[in-house]
Amino acid sequence: MQEKIVQGFSKLSKEEKVDWVVKNYFSSSGDTASGVKEELRKFWISEEGLQRTFDNFSENTISNFNLPFGVA
């Protein structure tokens, strides 16, 4: 896969970033593109304030990564 030079990505909204990633790295066929978007959105937190906090942890956040937390 050839690297693409990306300009202005950080200026896009979260939705626009997701759209850009799907458009440039996944098949443009409707099922695949919508499936990728749906998969990324599955990990978003429904409480807007909490999701905004997560989005601010890292520049250009497009989704979250859930990791189990346990005590031994």
PDB file of N, CA and C in Angstrom:
ATOM      1  N   MET A   1       0.854  -1.181   0.000  1.00  0.00           N
ATOM      2  CA  MET A   1       0.000   0.000   0.000  1.00  0.00           C
ATOM      3  C   MET A   1       0.896   1.240   0.000  1.00  0.00           C
ATOM      4  N   GLN A   2       0.618   2.125  -0.893  1.00  0.00           N
ATOM      5  CA  GLN A   2       1.399   3.346  -0.996  1.00  0.00           C
ATOM      6  C   GLN A   2       0.895   4.369   0.022  1.00  0.00           C
ATOM      7  N   GLU A   3       1.853   5.047   0.685  1.00  0.00           N
ATOM      8  CA  GLU A   3       1.461   6.070   1.657  1.00  0.00           C
ATOM      9  C   GLU A   3       0.868   7.275   0.949  1.00  0.00           C
ATOM     10  N   LYS A   4      -0.074   7.900   1.613  1.00  0.00           N
ATOM     11  CA  LYS A   4      -0.701   9.100   1.078  1.00  0.00           C
ATOM     12  C   LYS A   4      -0.304  10.285   1.943  1.00  0.00           C
ATOM     13  N   ILE A   5      -0.005  11.386   1.321  1.00  0.00           N
ATOM     14  CA  ILE A   5       0.273  12.600   2.075  1.00  0.00           C
ATOM     15  C   ILE A   5      -1.072  13.229   2.411  1.00  0.00           C
ATOM     16  N   VAL A   6      -1.271  13.458   3.692  1.00  0.00           N
ATOM     17  CA  VAL A   6      -2.539  13.976   4.162  1.00  0.00           C
ATOM     18  C   VAL A   6      -2.326  15.397   4.652  1.00  0.00           C
ATOM     19  N   GLN A   7      -3.103  16.301   4.135  1.00  0.00           N
ATOM     20  CA  GLN A   7      -3.026  17.686   4.584  1.00  0.00           C
ATOM     21  C   GLN A   7      -4.380  18.096   5.134  1.00  0.00           C
ATOM     22  N   GLY A   8      -4.362  18.729   6.301  1.00  0.00           N
ATOM     23  CA  GLY A   8      -5.584  19.255   6.877  1.00  0.00           C
ATOM     24  C   GLY A   8      -6.439  18.249   7.621  1.00  0.00           C
ATOM     25  N   PHE A   9      -5.936  17.028   7.826  1.00  0.00           N
ATOM     26  CA  PHE A   9      -6.726  15.989   8.490  1.00  0.00           C
ATOM     27  C   PHE A   9      -7.165  16.433   9.881  1.00  0.00           C
ATOM     28  N   SER A  10      -6.272  17.074  10.620  1.00  0.00           N
ATOM     29  CA  SER A  10      -6.590  17.485  11.991  1.00  0.00           C
ATOM     30  C   SER A  10      -7.666  18.560  12.041  1.00  0.00           C
ATOM     31  N   LYS A  11      -7.914  19.216  10.929  1.00  0.00           N
ATOM     32  CA  LYS A  11      -8.949  20.262  10.876  1.00  0.00           C
ATOM     33  C   LYS A  11     -10.341  19.688  10.621  1.00  0.00           C
ATOM     34  N   LEU A  12     -10.411  18.410  10.223  1.00  0.00           N
ATOM     35  CA  LEU A  12     -11.694  17.781   9.934  1.00  0.00           C
ATOM     36  C   LEU A  12     -12.428  17.436  11.225  1.00  0.00           C
ATOM     37  N   SER A  13     -13.747  17.348  11.140  1.00  0.00           N
ATOM     38  CA  SER A  13     -14.542  16.868  12.275  1.00  0.00           C
ATOM     39  C   SER A  13     -14.297  15.369  12.422  1.00  0.00           C
ATOM     40  N   LYS A  14     -14.695  14.806  13.530  1.00  0.00           N
ATOM     41  CA  LYS A  14     -14.522  13.372  13.758  1.00  0.00           C
ATOM     42  C   LYS A  14     -15.211  12.561  12.658  1.00  0.00           C
ATOM     43  N   GLU A  15     -16.433  12.936  12.311  1.00  0.00           N
ATOM     44  CA  GLU A  15     -17.166  12.244  11.243  1.00  0.00           C
ATOM     45  C   GLU A  15     -16.413  12.339   9.913  1.00  0.00           C
ATOM     46  N   GLU A  16     -15.890  13.519   9.617  1.00  0.00           N
ATOM     47  CA  GLU A  16     -15.140  13.709   8.371  1.00  0.00           C
ATOM     48  C   GLU A  16     -13.860  12.877   8.368  1.00  0.00           C
ATOM     49  N   LYS A  17     -13.224  12.741   9.528  1.00  0.00           N
ATOM     50  CA  LYS A  17     -12.022  11.907   9.624  1.00  0.00           C
ATOM     51  C   LYS A  17     -12.363  10.445   9.344  1.00  0.00           C
ATOM     52  N   VAL A  18     -13.445   9.970   9.933  1.00  0.00           N
ATOM     53  CA  VAL A  18     -13.881   8.593   9.689  1.00  0.00           C
ATOM     54  C   VAL A  18     -14.170   8.405   8.206  1.00  0.00           C
ATOM     55  N   ASP A  19     -14.896   9.338   7.613  1.00  0.00           N
ATOM     56  CA  ASP A  19     -15.209   9.251   6.183  1.00  0.00           C
ATOM     57  C   ASP A  19     -13.935   9.219   5.340  1.00  0.00           C
ATOM     58  N   TRP A  20     -12.945  10.037   5.692  1.00  0.00           N
ATOM     59  CA  TRP A  20     -11.691  10.096   4.943  1.00  0.00           C
ATOM     60  C   TRP A  20     -10.959   8.753   5.024  1.00  0.00           C
ATOM     61  N   VAL A  21     -10.862   8.185   6.229  1.00  0.00           N
ATOM     62  CA  VAL A  21     -10.175   6.904   6.409  1.00  0.00           C
ATOM     63  C   VAL A  21     -10.873   5.812   5.599  1.00  0.00           C
ATOM     64  N   VAL A  22     -12.197   5.755   5.689  1.00  0.00           N
ATOM     65  CA  VAL A  22     -12.951   4.735   4.958  1.00  0.00           C
ATOM     66  C   VAL A  22     -12.776   4.913   3.454  1.00  0.00           C
ATOM     67  N   LYS A  23     -12.871   6.132   2.991  1.00  0.00           N
ATOM     68  CA  LYS A  23     -12.752   6.408   1.554  1.00  0.00           C
ATOM     69  C   LYS A  23     -11.369   6.046   1.020  1.00  0.00           C
ATOM     70  N   ASN A  24     -10.323   6.332   1.798  1.00  0.00           N
ATOM     71  CA  ASN A  24      -8.969   6.149   1.300  1.00  0.00           C
ATOM     72  C   ASN A  24      -8.346   4.784   1.593  1.00  0.00           C
ATOM     73  N   TYR A  25      -8.914   4.034   2.508  1.00  0.00           N
ATOM     74  CA  TYR A  25      -8.290   2.773   2.880  1.00  0.00           C
ATOM     75  C   TYR A  25      -9.196   1.551   2.825  1.00  0.00           C
ATOM     76  N   PHE A  26     -10.444   1.732   2.514  1.00  0.00           N
ATOM     77  CA  PHE A  26     -11.354   0.597   2.432  1.00  0.00           C
ATOM     78  C   PHE A  26     -12.134   0.673   1.135  1.00  0.00           C
ATOM     79  N   SER A  27     -12.642  -0.448   0.713  1.00  0.00           N
ATOM     80  CA  SER A  27     -13.389  -0.514  -0.531  1.00  0.00           C
ATOM     81  C   SER A  27     -14.526   0.503  -0.531  1.00  0.00           C
ATOM     82  N   SER A  28     -14.774   1.073  -1.671  1.00  0.00           N
ATOM     83  CA  SER A  28     -15.848   2.061  -1.760  1.00  0.00           C
ATOM     84  C   SER A  28     -17.213   1.409  -1.959  1.00  0.00           C
ATOM     85  N   SER A  29     -17.246   0.076  -1.997  1.00  0.00           N
ATOM     86  CA  SER A  29     -18.547  -0.583  -2.115  1.00  0.00           C
ATOM     87  C   SER A  29     -19.357  -0.289  -0.863  1.00  0.00           C
ATOM     88  N   GLY A  30     -20.606  -0.019  -1.010  1.00  0.00           N
ATOM     89  CA  GLY A  30     -21.469   0.414   0.079  1.00  0.00           C
ATOM     90  C   GLY A  30     -21.423  -0.437   1.328  1.00  0.00           C
ATOM     91  N   ASP A  31     -21.506  -1.759   1.170  1.00  0.00           N
ATOM     92  CA  ASP A  31     -21.524  -2.641   2.334  1.00  0.00           C
ATOM     93  C   ASP A  31     -20.243  -2.557   3.137  1.00  0.00           C
ATOM     94  N   THR A  32     -19.094  -2.591   2.462  1.00  0.00           N
ATOM     95  CA  THR A  32     -17.814  -2.559   3.163  1.00  0.00           C
ATOM     96  C   THR A  32     -17.607  -1.221   3.848  1.00  0.00           C
ATOM     97  N   ALA A  33     -17.847  -0.130   3.141  1.00  0.00           N
ATOM     98  CA  ALA A  33     -17.649   1.200   3.709  1.00  0.00           C
ATOM     99  C   ALA A  33     -18.563   1.438   4.901  1.00  0.00           C
ATOM    100  N   SER A  34     -19.824   1.099   4.755  1.00  0.00           N
ATOM    101  CA  SER A  34     -20.753   1.313   5.866  1.00  0.00           C
ATOM    102  C   SER A  34     -20.429   0.380   7.024  1.00  0.00           C
ATOM    103  N   GLY A  35     -19.940  -0.816   6.729  1.00  0.00           N
ATOM    104  CA  GLY A  35     -19.550  -1.755   7.777  1.00  0.00           C
ATOM    105  C   GLY A  35     -18.371  -1.249   8.591  1.00  0.00           C
ATOM    106  N   VAL A  36     -17.408  -0.649   7.929  1.00  0.00           N
ATOM    107  CA  VAL A  36     -16.249  -0.096   8.628  1.00  0.00           C
ATOM    108  C   VAL A  36     -16.685   1.062   9.513  1.00  0.00           C
ATOM    109  N   LYS A  37     -17.503   1.943   8.980  1.00  0.00           N
ATOM    110  CA  LYS A  37     -18.002   3.076   9.771  1.00  0.00           C
ATOM    111  C   LYS A  37     -18.771   2.577  10.990  1.00  0.00           C
ATOM    112  N   GLU A  38     -19.623   1.587  10.787  1.00  0.00           N
ATOM    113  CA  GLU A  38     -20.419   1.039  11.883  1.00  0.00           C
ATOM    114  C   GLU A  38     -19.516   0.416  12.949  1.00  0.00           C
ATOM    115  N   GLU A  39     -18.497  -0.296  12.513  1.00  0.00           N
ATOM    116  CA  GLU A  39     -17.564  -0.926  13.454  1.00  0.00           C
ATOM    117  C   GLU A  39     -16.825   0.120  14.284  1.00  0.00           C
ATOM    118  N   LEU A  40     -16.387   1.191  13.669  1.00  0.00           N
ATOM    119  CA  LEU A  40     -15.707   2.260  14.411  1.00  0.00           C
ATOM    120  C   LEU A  40     -16.647   2.918  15.417  1.00  0.00           C
ATOM    121  N   ARG A  41     -17.891   3.125  15.023  1.00  0.00           N
ATOM    122  CA  ARG A  41     -18.867   3.785  15.900  1.00  0.00           C
ATOM    123  C   ARG A  41     -19.290   2.915  17.081  1.00  0.00           C
ATOM    124  N   LYS A  42     -19.167   1.591  16.965  1.00  0.00           N
ATOM    125  CA  LYS A  42     -19.556   0.691  18.049  1.00  0.00           C
ATOM    126  C   LYS A  42     -18.825   1.015  19.349  1.00  0.00           C
ATOM    127  N   PHE A  43     -17.628   1.552  19.239  1.00  0.00           N
ATOM    128  CA  PHE A  43     -16.809   1.794  20.407  1.00  0.00           C
ATOM    129  C   PHE A  43     -16.929   3.217  20.946  1.00  0.00           C
ATOM    130  N   TRP A  44     -17.742   4.046  20.304  1.00  0.00           N
ATOM    131  CA  TRP A  44     -17.967   5.397  20.802  1.00  0.00           C
ATOM    132  C   TRP A  44     -18.828   5.323  22.056  1.00  0.00           C
ATOM    133  N   ILE A  45     -18.598   6.213  22.983  1.00  0.00           N
ATOM    134  CA  ILE A  45     -19.351   6.259  24.232  1.00  0.00           C
ATOM    135  C   ILE A  45     -20.577   7.139  24.022  1.00  0.00           C
ATOM    136  N   SER A  46     -21.738   6.657  24.434  1.00  0.00           N
ATOM    137  CA  SER A  46     -22.984   7.392  24.179  1.00  0.00           C
ATOM    138  C   SER A  46     -23.080   8.690  24.980  1.00  0.00           C
ATOM    139  N   GLU A  47     -22.434   8.754  26.122  1.00  0.00           N
ATOM    140  CA  GLU A  47     -22.431   9.994  26.914  1.00  0.00           C
ATOM    141  C   GLU A  47     -21.472  10.996  26.253  1.00  0.00           C
ATOM    142  N   GLU A  48     -22.027  12.046  25.653  1.00  0.00           N
ATOM    143  CA  GLU A  48     -21.235  12.972  24.838  1.00  0.00           C
ATOM    144  C   GLU A  48     -20.057  13.590  25.586  1.00  0.00           C
ATOM    145  N   GLY A  49     -20.272  14.001  26.833  1.00  0.00           N
ATOM    146  CA  GLY A  49     -19.199  14.630  27.593  1.00  0.00           C
ATOM    147  C   GLY A  49     -18.029  13.696  27.821  1.00  0.00           C
ATOM    148  N   LEU A  50     -18.324  12.452  28.142  1.00  0.00           N
ATOM    149  CA  LEU A  50     -17.274  11.462  28.362  1.00  0.00           C
ATOM    150  C   LEU A  50     -16.554  11.146  27.053  1.00  0.00           C
ATOM    151  N   GLN A  51     -17.303  11.022  25.966  1.00  0.00           N
ATOM    152  CA  GLN A  51     -16.670  10.762  24.668  1.00  0.00           C
ATOM    153  C   GLN A  51     -15.778  11.931  24.274  1.00  0.00           C
ATOM    154  N   ARG A  52     -16.218  13.152  24.523  1.00  0.00           N
ATOM    155  CA  ARG A  52     -15.403  14.330  24.214  1.00  0.00           C
ATOM    156  C   ARG A  52     -14.076  14.271  24.983  1.00  0.00           C
ATOM    157  N   THR A  53     -14.126  13.823  26.246  1.00  0.00           N
ATOM    158  CA  THR A  53     -12.904  13.672  27.036  1.00  0.00           C
ATOM    159  C   THR A  53     -11.976  12.661  26.377  1.00  0.00           C
ATOM    160  N   PHE A  54     -12.520  11.526  25.954  1.00  0.00           N
ATOM    161  CA  PHE A  54     -11.716  10.517  25.271  1.00  0.00           C
ATOM    162  C   PHE A  54     -11.136  11.071  23.971  1.00  0.00           C
ATOM    163  N   ASP A  55     -11.936  11.816  23.232  1.00  0.00           N
ATOM    164  CA  ASP A  55     -11.464  12.393  21.969  1.00  0.00           C
ATOM    165  C   ASP A  55     -10.296  13.341  22.187  1.00  0.00           C
ATOM    166  N   ASN A  56     -10.251  13.983  23.330  1.00  0.00           N
ATOM    167  CA  ASN A  56      -9.191  14.943  23.614  1.00  0.00           C
ATOM    168  C   ASN A  56      -7.907  14.288  24.131  1.00  0.00           C
ATOM    169  N   PHE A  57      -7.937  12.990  24.405  1.00  0.00           N
ATOM    170  CA  PHE A  57      -6.724  12.291  24.846  1.00  0.00           C
ATOM    171  C   PHE A  57      -5.674  12.244  23.751  1.00  0.00           C
ATOM    172  N   SER A  58      -6.118  12.191  22.522  1.00  0.00           N
ATOM    173  CA  SER A  58      -5.206  12.027  21.402  1.00  0.00           C
ATOM    174  C   SER A  58      -5.718  12.831  20.214  1.00  0.00           C
ATOM    175  N   GLU A  59      -4.798  13.420  19.476  1.00  0.00           N
ATOM    176  CA  GLU A  59      -5.186  14.174  18.286  1.00  0.00           C
ATOM    177  C   GLU A  59      -5.700  13.198  17.228  1.00  0.00           C
ATOM    178  N   ASN A  60      -6.697  13.600  16.498  1.00  0.00           N
ATOM    179  CA  ASN A  60      -7.248  12.836  15.372  1.00  0.00           C
ATOM    180  C   ASN A  60      -7.925  11.529  15.777  1.00  0.00           C
ATOM    181  N   THR A  61      -8.557  11.524  16.929  1.00  0.00           N
ATOM    182  CA  THR A  61      -9.284  10.339  17.390  1.00  0.00           C
ATOM    183  C   THR A  61     -10.449  10.034  16.449  1.00  0.00           C
ATOM    184  N   ILE A  62     -10.559   8.759  16.038  1.00  0.00           N
ATOM    185  CA  ILE A  62     -11.704   8.358  15.216  1.00  0.00           C
ATOM    186  C   ILE A  62     -12.553   7.290  15.908  1.00  0.00           C
ATOM    187  N   SER A  63     -12.010   6.658  16.954  1.00  0.00           N
ATOM    188  CA  SER A  63     -12.755   5.654  17.702  1.00  0.00           C
ATOM    189  C   SER A  63     -12.055   5.417  19.031  1.00  0.00           C
ATOM    190  N   ASN A  64     -12.597   4.516  19.820  1.00  0.00           N
ATOM    191  CA  ASN A  64     -12.015   4.150  21.101  1.00  0.00           C
ATOM    192  C   ASN A  64     -11.542   2.702  21.026  1.00  0.00           C
ATOM    193  N   PHE A  65     -10.681   2.340  21.960  1.00  0.00           N
ATOM    194  CA  PHE A  65     -10.191   0.977  22.052  1.00  0.00           C
ATOM    195  C   PHE A  65     -10.472   0.497  23.458  1.00  0.00           C
ATOM    196  N   ASN A  66     -11.395  -0.454  23.580  1.00  0.00           N
ATOM    197  CA  ASN A  66     -11.752  -0.987  24.892  1.00  0.00           C
ATOM    198  C   ASN A  66     -10.784  -2.089  25.278  1.00  0.00           C
ATOM    199  N   LEU A  67     -10.340  -2.037  26.525  1.00  0.00           N
ATOM    200  CA  LEU A  67      -9.407  -3.030  27.035  1.00  0.00           C
ATOM    201  C   LEU A  67      -9.906  -3.516  28.387  1.00  0.00           C
ATOM    202  N   PRO A  68      -9.985  -4.815  28.586  1.00  0.00           N
ATOM    203  CA  PRO A  68     -10.461  -5.318  29.881  1.00  0.00           C
ATOM    204  C   PRO A  68      -9.554  -4.858  31.025  1.00  0.00           C
ATOM    205  N   PHE A  69     -10.166  -4.600  32.157  1.00  0.00           N
ATOM    206  CA  PHE A  69      -9.446  -4.179  33.348  1.00  0.00           C
ATOM    207  C   PHE A  69      -9.812  -5.150  34.452  1.00  0.00           C
ATOM    208  N   GLY A  70      -8.825  -5.857  34.978  1.00  0.00           N
ATOM    209  CA  GLY A  70      -9.113  -6.867  35.983  1.00  0.00           C
ATOM    210  C   GLY A  70      -8.194  -6.743  37.173  1.00  0.00           C
ATOM    211  N   VAL A  71      -8.546  -7.418  38.223  1.00  0.00           N
ATOM    212  CA  VAL A  71      -7.754  -7.448  39.441  1.00  0.00           C
ATOM    213  C   VAL A  71      -7.423  -8.902  39.738  1.00  0.00           C
ATOM    214  N   ALA A  72      -6.154  -9.158  40.001  1.00  0.00           N
ATOM    215  CA  ALA A  72      -5.738 -10.553  40.295  1.00  0.00           C
ATOM    216  C   ALA A  72      -5.727 -10.777  41.787  1.00  0.00           C
TER     217      ALA A  72
END
